[in-house]
Amino acid sequence: MSRAKKKGTIMDGSFENEVPPPAVDGTDSAIPSSGLDVLFNKKGEDDPEELPTEEELTEWKKLVFPSGRKLPTYDGFLDSDLFGRKIPFHFVQIMPGPCDAEFAYSMSMFSARLLCNIVDIFRGRQKLSLVEKVLSEDYMRKLKIASAQIVSRMKRDAKVYAQFGLLPITVYTVESWMISPTCFESTVLMGIGSRRLCGNMKCVLKGSAWKCVTADFGM
């Protein structure tokens, strides 16, 4: 997305009409140190009051340096007639919650199938009713609008149709993350002919069913 320019300013940092910023009386413009400048820029070495305490340094190190804790991961292959071959998947459980190898496999398969269906709906090869039960209303509306635009263009341009609408989808890998017991994200590397696509989606648990609240894909 393009960034809009602020009215009255020029992108090189100067002001139109040479107007300086207003002065603030009685206020020190210096920004207090957070402690990070000492860790990264070594600012404050000449002023002991700027140096963080040992307790503060310990807290920063917890954030900056890895803790060494290994996250539970599951690796395997998706075996389905839908893809015609075995697809490697990698599943990471970031937060504690109910998860095992069977759950990792089923959610990885769910992600691959759903993103394939979303891409097919986008390019007009499938109907939205195929997955409307697992899509949020807001995302379903956006997908319908996007599909209408690309389908209209493919009808006018044979080259676009040959690139996006003619060939089937190939799935290469699936990587997923269990963010919390009620939030799940996945990335699927796909292809249409020689073109590679990377699809991403986020699902949340609504009652006892997973709902896709957002999904996107691009080259």
C-alpha atoms as a PDB file:
ATOM      1  CA  MET A   1       0.000   0.000   0.000  1.00  0.00           C
ATOM      2  CA  SER A   2       1.277   3.481  -0.762  1.00  0.00           C
ATOM      3  CA  ARG A   3       1.942   5.888   2.050  1.00  0.00           C
ATOM      4  CA  ALA A   4       0.134   9.193   1.859  1.00  0.00           C
ATOM      5  CA  LYS A   5       2.198  12.356   2.201  1.00  0.00           C
ATOM      6  CA  LYS A   6       1.375  14.634   5.100  1.00  0.00           C
ATOM      7  CA  LYS A   7      -0.122  17.910   3.976  1.00  0.00           C
ATOM      8  CA  GLY A   8       2.238  20.857   4.398  1.00  0.00           C
ATOM      9  CA  THR A   9       5.458  18.874   4.528  1.00  0.00           C
ATOM     10  CA  ILE A  10       7.993  17.650   1.980  1.00  0.00           C
ATOM     11  CA  MET A  11       9.357  14.118   2.065  1.00  0.00           C
ATOM     12  CA  ASP A  12      12.978  15.282   2.490  1.00  0.00           C
ATOM     13  CA  GLY A  13      12.172  16.492   6.019  1.00  0.00           C
ATOM     14  CA  SER A  14      12.085  20.247   5.258  1.00  0.00           C
ATOM     15  CA  PHE A  15       9.027  22.414   5.784  1.00  0.00           C
ATOM     16  CA  GLU A  16       7.192  24.349   3.135  1.00  0.00           C
ATOM     17  CA  ASN A  17       7.502  28.150   3.581  1.00  0.00           C
ATOM     18  CA  GLU A  18      10.418  27.603   6.023  1.00  0.00           C
ATOM     19  CA  VAL A  19       8.038  27.370   9.004  1.00  0.00           C
ATOM     20  CA  PRO A  20       9.781  25.858  12.079  1.00  0.00           C
ATOM     21  CA  PRO A  21       7.939  23.647  14.573  1.00  0.00           C
ATOM     22  CA  PRO A  22       6.361  25.499  17.540  1.00  0.00           C
ATOM     23  CA  ALA A  23       8.504  25.892  20.640  1.00  0.00           C
ATOM     24  CA  VAL A  24       7.326  24.492  23.982  1.00  0.00           C
ATOM     25  CA  ASP A  25       8.285  26.632  26.977  1.00  0.00           C
ATOM     26  CA  GLY A  26       9.322  25.071  30.258  1.00  0.00           C
ATOM     27  CA  THR A  27       9.513  21.506  28.919  1.00  0.00           C
ATOM     28  CA  ASP A  28      12.656  19.449  28.454  1.00  0.00           C
ATOM     29  CA  SER A  29      12.561  17.935  24.945  1.00  0.00           C
ATOM     30  CA  ALA A  30      14.938  15.101  25.860  1.00  0.00           C
ATOM     31  CA  ILE A  31      13.337  11.658  25.773  1.00  0.00           C
ATOM     32  CA  PRO A  32      14.066   9.576  28.907  1.00  0.00           C
ATOM     33  CA  SER A  33      16.231   6.523  28.385  1.00  0.00           C
ATOM     34  CA  SER A  34      14.530   3.133  28.412  1.00  0.00           C
ATOM     35  CA  GLY A  35      17.765   1.246  29.063  1.00  0.00           C
ATOM     36  CA  LEU A  36      17.943  -0.195  25.551  1.00  0.00           C
ATOM     37  CA  ASP A  37      20.231   2.626  24.405  1.00  0.00           C
ATOM     38  CA  VAL A  38      22.806   1.399  26.928  1.00  0.00           C
ATOM     39  CA  LEU A  39      22.557  -2.170  25.667  1.00  0.00           C
ATOM     40  CA  PHE A  40      22.740  -1.375  21.959  1.00  0.00           C
ATOM     41  CA  ASN A  41      24.188   2.127  21.483  1.00  0.00           C
ATOM     42  CA  LYS A  42      26.277   2.376  24.684  1.00  0.00           C
ATOM     43  CA  LYS A  43      24.756   5.751  25.390  1.00  0.00           C
ATOM     44  CA  GLY A  44      25.012   6.879  28.974  1.00  0.00           C
ATOM     45  CA  GLU A  45      28.517   5.570  29.749  1.00  0.00           C
ATOM     46  CA  ASP A  46      29.528   9.060  30.886  1.00  0.00           C
ATOM     47  CA  ASP A  47      26.494   9.401  33.132  1.00  0.00           C
ATOM     48  CA  PRO A  48      26.064   6.635  35.767  1.00  0.00           C
ATOM     49  CA  GLU A  49      22.451   7.679  36.326  1.00  0.00           C
ATOM     50  CA  GLU A  50      21.663   6.593  32.759  1.00  0.00           C
ATOM     51  CA  LEU A  51      22.894   3.049  33.370  1.00  0.00           C
ATOM     52  CA  PRO A  52      20.192   0.448  34.108  1.00  0.00           C
ATOM     53  CA  THR A  53      20.289  -1.571  37.299  1.00  0.00           C
ATOM     54  CA  GLU A  54      21.223  -5.248  37.331  1.00  0.00           C
ATOM     55  CA  GLU A  55      17.556  -6.115  37.782  1.00  0.00           C
ATOM     56  CA  GLU A  56      16.609  -4.075  34.696  1.00  0.00           C
ATOM     57  CA  LEU A  57      19.380  -5.685  32.647  1.00  0.00           C
ATOM     58  CA  THR A  58      18.155  -9.132  33.637  1.00  0.00           C
ATOM     59  CA  GLU A  59      14.635  -8.273  32.481  1.00  0.00           C
ATOM     60  CA  TRP A  60      15.905  -6.939  29.142  1.00  0.00           C
ATOM     61  CA  LYS A  61      18.006 -10.061  28.581  1.00  0.00           C
ATOM     62  CA  LYS A  62      14.900 -12.197  29.023  1.00  0.00           C
ATOM     63  CA  LEU A  63      13.364 -10.318  26.097  1.00  0.00           C
ATOM     64  CA  VAL A  64      16.434  -9.949  23.887  1.00  0.00           C
ATOM     65  CA  PHE A  65      18.080 -13.351  24.290  1.00  0.00           C
ATOM     66  CA  PRO A  66      16.434 -16.750  23.701  1.00  0.00           C
ATOM     67  CA  SER A  67      15.428 -18.666  26.792  1.00  0.00           C
ATOM     68  CA  GLY A  68      16.597 -22.025  25.435  1.00  0.00           C
ATOM     69  CA  ARG A  69      13.141 -23.582  25.891  1.00  0.00           C
ATOM     70  CA  LYS A  70      12.224 -25.815  22.963  1.00  0.00           C
ATOM     71  CA  LEU A  71       8.707 -25.557  21.625  1.00  0.00           C
ATOM     72  CA  PRO A  72       6.757 -28.769  20.956  1.00  0.00           C
ATOM     73  CA  THR A  73       6.855 -29.501  17.219  1.00  0.00           C
ATOM     74  CA  TYR A  74       5.318 -32.147  14.974  1.00  0.00           C
ATOM     75  CA  ASP A  75       6.642 -33.108  11.536  1.00  0.00           C
ATOM     76  CA  GLY A  76       5.197 -35.513   9.011  1.00  0.00           C
ATOM     77  CA  PHE A  77       3.552 -35.900   5.630  1.00  0.00           C
ATOM     78  CA  LEU A  78      -0.005 -35.297   4.460  1.00  0.00           C
ATOM     79  CA  ASP A  79      -1.138 -38.301   2.456  1.00  0.00           C
ATOM     80  CA  SER A  80      -4.257 -37.588   0.440  1.00  0.00           C
ATOM     81  CA  ASP A  81      -5.686 -38.292  -3.001  1.00  0.00           C
ATOM     82  CA  LEU A  82      -6.524 -34.575  -3.109  1.00  0.00           C
ATOM     83  CA  PHE A  83      -2.864 -33.664  -3.662  1.00  0.00           C
ATOM     84  CA  GLY A  84      -1.720 -36.786  -5.489  1.00  0.00           C
ATOM     85  CA  ARG A  85       1.461 -37.085  -3.417  1.00  0.00           C
ATOM     86  CA  LYS A  86       2.758 -36.743   0.133  1.00  0.00           C
ATOM     87  CA  ILE A  87       3.089 -33.161   1.382  1.00  0.00           C
ATOM     88  CA  PRO A  88       5.551 -32.359   4.222  1.00  0.00           C
ATOM     89  CA  PHE A  89       4.138 -30.405   7.152  1.00  0.00           C
ATOM     90  CA  HIS A  90       5.662 -28.719  10.204  1.00  0.00           C
ATOM     91  CA  PHE A  91       3.488 -27.872  13.207  1.00  0.00           C
ATOM     92  CA  VAL A  92       4.619 -25.752  16.184  1.00  0.00           C
ATOM     93  CA  GLN A  93       2.737 -25.447  19.473  1.00  0.00           C
ATOM     94  CA  ILE A  94       3.665 -22.012  20.809  1.00  0.00           C
ATOM     95  CA  MET A  95       1.350 -21.828  23.833  1.00  0.00           C
ATOM     96  CA  PRO A  96       0.287 -24.626  26.213  1.00  0.00           C
ATOM     97  CA  GLY A  97      -2.937 -26.317  25.266  1.00  0.00           C
ATOM     98  CA  PRO A  98      -4.537 -29.564  24.053  1.00  0.00           C
ATOM     99  CA  CYS A  99      -2.386 -30.742  21.166  1.00  0.00           C
ATOM    100  CA  ASP A 100      -0.942 -34.034  19.910  1.00  0.00           C
ATOM    101  CA  ALA A 101       0.342 -35.603  16.678  1.00  0.00           C
ATOM    102  CA  GLU A 102      -3.169 -36.433  15.465  1.00  0.00           C
ATOM    103  CA  PHE A 103      -4.349 -32.850  16.042  1.00  0.00           C
ATOM    104  CA  ALA A 104      -1.262 -31.470  14.268  1.00  0.00           C
ATOM    105  CA  TYR A 105      -1.930 -33.710  11.265  1.00  0.00           C
ATOM    106  CA  SER A 106      -5.635 -32.876  11.044  1.00  0.00           C
ATOM    107  CA  MET A 107      -5.092 -29.109  11.349  1.00  0.00           C
ATOM    108  CA  SER A 108      -2.322 -29.183   8.725  1.00  0.00           C
ATOM    109  CA  MET A 109      -4.623 -31.064   6.358  1.00  0.00           C
ATOM    110  CA  PHE A 110      -7.439 -28.632   7.155  1.00  0.00           C
ATOM    111  CA  SER A 111      -5.146 -25.688   6.287  1.00  0.00           C
ATOM    112  CA  ALA A 112      -3.949 -27.155   2.988  1.00  0.00           C
ATOM    113  CA  ARG A 113      -7.454 -28.032   1.823  1.00  0.00           C
ATOM    114  CA  LEU A 114      -9.013 -24.746   2.905  1.00  0.00           C
ATOM    115  CA  LEU A 115      -6.362 -22.551   1.270  1.00  0.00           C
ATOM    116  CA  CYS A 116      -6.605 -24.576  -1.948  1.00  0.00           C
ATOM    117  CA  ASN A 117     -10.376 -24.099  -1.932  1.00  0.00           C
ATOM    118  CA  ILE A 118     -10.019 -20.369  -1.232  1.00  0.00           C
ATOM    119  CA  VAL A 119      -7.643 -19.938  -4.181  1.00  0.00           C
ATOM    120  CA  ASP A 120      -9.996 -21.939  -6.413  1.00  0.00           C
ATOM    121  CA  ILE A 121     -12.942 -19.780  -5.299  1.00  0.00           C
ATOM    122  CA  PHE A 122     -10.888 -16.663  -5.960  1.00  0.00           C
ATOM    123  CA  ARG A 123     -10.190 -17.742  -9.567  1.00  0.00           C
ATOM    124  CA  GLY A 124     -13.752 -18.945 -10.185  1.00  0.00           C
ATOM    125  CA  ARG A 125     -13.162 -22.719 -10.199  1.00  0.00           C
ATOM    126  CA  GLN A 126     -15.186 -23.439  -7.039  1.00  0.00           C
ATOM    127  CA  LYS A 127     -18.345 -22.061  -5.455  1.00  0.00           C
ATOM    128  CA  LEU A 128     -18.240 -20.134  -2.204  1.00  0.00           C
ATOM    129  CA  SER A 129     -20.803 -22.474  -0.687  1.00  0.00           C
ATOM    130  CA  LEU A 130     -18.096 -25.155  -0.545  1.00  0.00           C
ATOM    131  CA  VAL A 131     -16.417 -23.506   2.461  1.00  0.00           C
ATOM    132  CA  GLU A 132     -18.897 -20.906   3.708  1.00  0.00           C
ATOM    133  CA  LYS A 133     -19.390 -22.790   6.980  1.00  0.00           C
ATOM    134  CA  VAL A 134     -15.731 -22.331   7.960  1.00  0.00           C
ATOM    135  CA  LEU A 135     -15.297 -18.720   6.806  1.00  0.00           C
ATOM    136  CA  SER A 136     -16.230 -15.649   8.808  1.00  0.00           C
ATOM    137  CA  GLU A 137     -18.882 -13.428   7.232  1.00  0.00           C
ATOM    138  CA  ASP A 138     -16.467 -10.514   6.882  1.00  0.00           C
ATOM    139  CA  TYR A 139     -13.819 -12.561   5.089  1.00  0.00           C
ATOM    140  CA  MET A 140     -16.428 -14.283   2.904  1.00  0.00           C
ATOM    141  CA  ARG A 141     -17.612 -10.868   1.710  1.00  0.00           C
ATOM    142  CA  LYS A 142     -14.041  -9.802   0.856  1.00  0.00           C
ATOM    143  CA  LEU A 143     -13.348 -13.060  -0.990  1.00  0.00           C
ATOM    144  CA  LYS A 144     -16.518 -12.680  -3.040  1.00  0.00           C
ATOM    145  CA  ILE A 145     -15.512  -9.151  -4.131  1.00  0.00           C
ATOM    146  CA  ALA A 146     -11.949 -10.187  -5.007  1.00  0.00           C
ATOM    147  CA  SER A 147     -13.185 -13.219  -6.960  1.00  0.00           C
ATOM    148  CA  ALA A 148     -15.574 -11.129  -9.038  1.00  0.00           C
ATOM    149  CA  GLN A 149     -12.727  -8.791 -10.024  1.00  0.00           C
ATOM    150  CA  ILE A 150     -10.217 -11.475 -11.093  1.00  0.00           C
ATOM    151  CA  VAL A 151     -12.867 -13.577 -12.881  1.00  0.00           C
ATOM    152  CA  SER A 152     -13.985 -10.503 -14.830  1.00  0.00           C
ATOM    153  CA  ARG A 153     -10.407  -9.807 -15.864  1.00  0.00           C
ATOM    154  CA  MET A 154      -9.767 -13.428 -16.880  1.00  0.00           C
ATOM    155  CA  LYS A 155     -12.793 -13.304 -19.168  1.00  0.00           C
ATOM    156  CA  ARG A 156     -11.288 -10.298 -20.952  1.00  0.00           C
ATOM    157  CA  ASP A 157      -7.650 -11.408 -20.998  1.00  0.00           C
ATOM    158  CA  ALA A 158      -6.694 -14.899 -22.197  1.00  0.00           C
ATOM    159  CA  LYS A 159      -3.158 -14.535 -20.839  1.00  0.00           C
ATOM    160  CA  VAL A 160      -4.408 -13.901 -17.306  1.00  0.00           C
ATOM    161  CA  TYR A 161      -6.728 -16.872 -17.587  1.00  0.00           C
ATOM    162  CA  ALA A 162      -3.841 -19.079 -18.759  1.00  0.00           C
ATOM    163  CA  GLN A 163      -1.712 -17.949 -15.810  1.00  0.00           C
ATOM    164  CA  PHE A 164      -4.273 -18.231 -13.006  1.00  0.00           C
ATOM    165  CA  GLY A 165      -7.414 -20.006 -14.129  1.00  0.00           C
ATOM    166  CA  LEU A 166      -6.375 -22.929 -16.280  1.00  0.00           C
ATOM    167  CA  LEU A 167      -3.983 -25.178 -14.330  1.00  0.00           C
ATOM    168  CA  PRO A 168      -4.648 -27.025 -11.039  1.00  0.00           C
ATOM    169  CA  ILE A 169      -3.025 -26.134  -7.702  1.00  0.00           C
ATOM    170  CA  THR A 170       0.058 -27.964  -6.472  1.00  0.00           C
ATOM    171  CA  VAL A 171       0.827 -27.968  -2.715  1.00  0.00           C
ATOM    172  CA  TYR A 172       4.480 -28.138  -1.644  1.00  0.00           C
ATOM    173  CA  THR A 173       4.702 -27.551   2.122  1.00  0.00           C
ATOM    174  CA  VAL A 174       2.475 -26.662   5.075  1.00  0.00           C
ATOM    175  CA  GLU A 175       3.723 -24.832   8.185  1.00  0.00           C
ATOM    176  CA  SER A 176       1.394 -24.132  11.094  1.00  0.00           C
ATOM    177  CA  TRP A 177       1.468 -22.505  14.528  1.00  0.00           C
ATOM    178  CA  MET A 178      -0.868 -23.077  17.463  1.00  0.00           C
ATOM    179  CA  ILE A 179      -0.791 -19.536  18.868  1.00  0.00           C
ATOM    180  CA  SER A 180      -3.213 -20.279  21.707  1.00  0.00           C
ATOM    181  CA  PRO A 181      -5.897 -22.882  22.475  1.00  0.00           C
ATOM    182  CA  THR A 182      -8.313 -20.753  20.422  1.00  0.00           C
ATOM    183  CA  CYS A 183      -6.046 -19.332  17.698  1.00  0.00           C
ATOM    184  CA  PHE A 184      -4.295 -21.130  14.872  1.00  0.00           C
ATOM    185  CA  GLU A 185      -2.234 -19.816  11.923  1.00  0.00           C
ATOM    186  CA  SER A 186      -0.873 -21.559   8.868  1.00  0.00           C
ATOM    187  CA  THR A 187       1.283 -20.888   5.801  1.00  0.00           C
ATOM    188  CA  VAL A 188       1.002 -23.056   2.695  1.00  0.00           C
ATOM    189  CA  LEU A 189       3.450 -22.948  -0.203  1.00  0.00           C
ATOM    190  CA  MET A 190       1.526 -23.677  -3.391  1.00  0.00           C
ATOM    191  CA  GLY A 191       1.889 -23.384  -7.121  1.00  0.00           C
ATOM    192  CA  ILE A 192      -0.230 -22.853 -10.223  1.00  0.00           C
ATOM    193  CA  GLY A 193       1.813 -24.161 -13.106  1.00  0.00           C
ATOM    194  CA  SER A 194       5.261 -22.572 -12.830  1.00  0.00           C
ATOM    195  CA  ARG A 195       4.009 -19.766 -10.583  1.00  0.00           C
ATOM    196  CA  ARG A 196       4.603 -20.086  -6.855  1.00  0.00           C
ATOM    197  CA  LEU A 197       2.037 -18.893  -4.347  1.00  0.00           C
ATOM    198  CA  CYS A 198       2.360 -18.410  -0.602  1.00  0.00           C
ATOM    199  CA  GLY A 199      -0.936 -18.586   1.250  1.00  0.00           C
ATOM    200  CA  ASN A 200      -1.515 -17.516   4.856  1.00  0.00           C
ATOM    201  CA  MET A 201      -4.549 -17.897   7.044  1.00  0.00           C
ATOM    202  CA  LYS A 202      -5.698 -17.358  10.605  1.00  0.00           C
ATOM    203  CA  CYS A 203      -8.424 -19.401  12.296  1.00  0.00           C
ATOM    204  CA  VAL A 204     -10.107 -18.879  15.644  1.00  0.00           C
ATOM    205  CA  LEU A 205     -12.181 -21.338  17.645  1.00  0.00           C
ATOM    206  CA  LYS A 206     -15.860 -20.355  17.730  1.00  0.00           C
ATOM    207  CA  GLY A 207     -17.656 -22.697  20.095  1.00  0.00           C
ATOM    208  CA  SER A 208     -16.580 -26.134  18.903  1.00  0.00           C
ATOM    209  CA  ALA A 209     -15.706 -25.190  15.297  1.00  0.00           C
ATOM    210  CA  TRP A 210     -12.708 -23.442  13.708  1.00  0.00           C
ATOM    211  CA  LYS A 211     -13.503 -20.340  11.661  1.00  0.00           C
ATOM    212  CA  CYS A 212     -11.132 -18.750   9.153  1.00  0.00           C
ATOM    213  CA  VAL A 213     -11.170 -15.019   9.893  1.00  0.00           C
ATOM    214  CA  THR A 214      -8.551 -13.977   7.343  1.00  0.00           C
ATOM    215  CA  ALA A 215      -6.550 -15.497   4.501  1.00  0.00           C
ATOM    216  CA  ASP A 216      -4.329 -14.088   1.788  1.00  0.00           C
ATOM    217  CA  PHE A 217      -1.991 -15.340  -0.887  1.00  0.00           C
ATOM    218  CA  GLY A 218       0.523 -13.864  -3.260  1.00  0.00           C
ATOM    219  CA  MET A 219       3.518 -14.613  -5.426  1.00  0.00           C
END
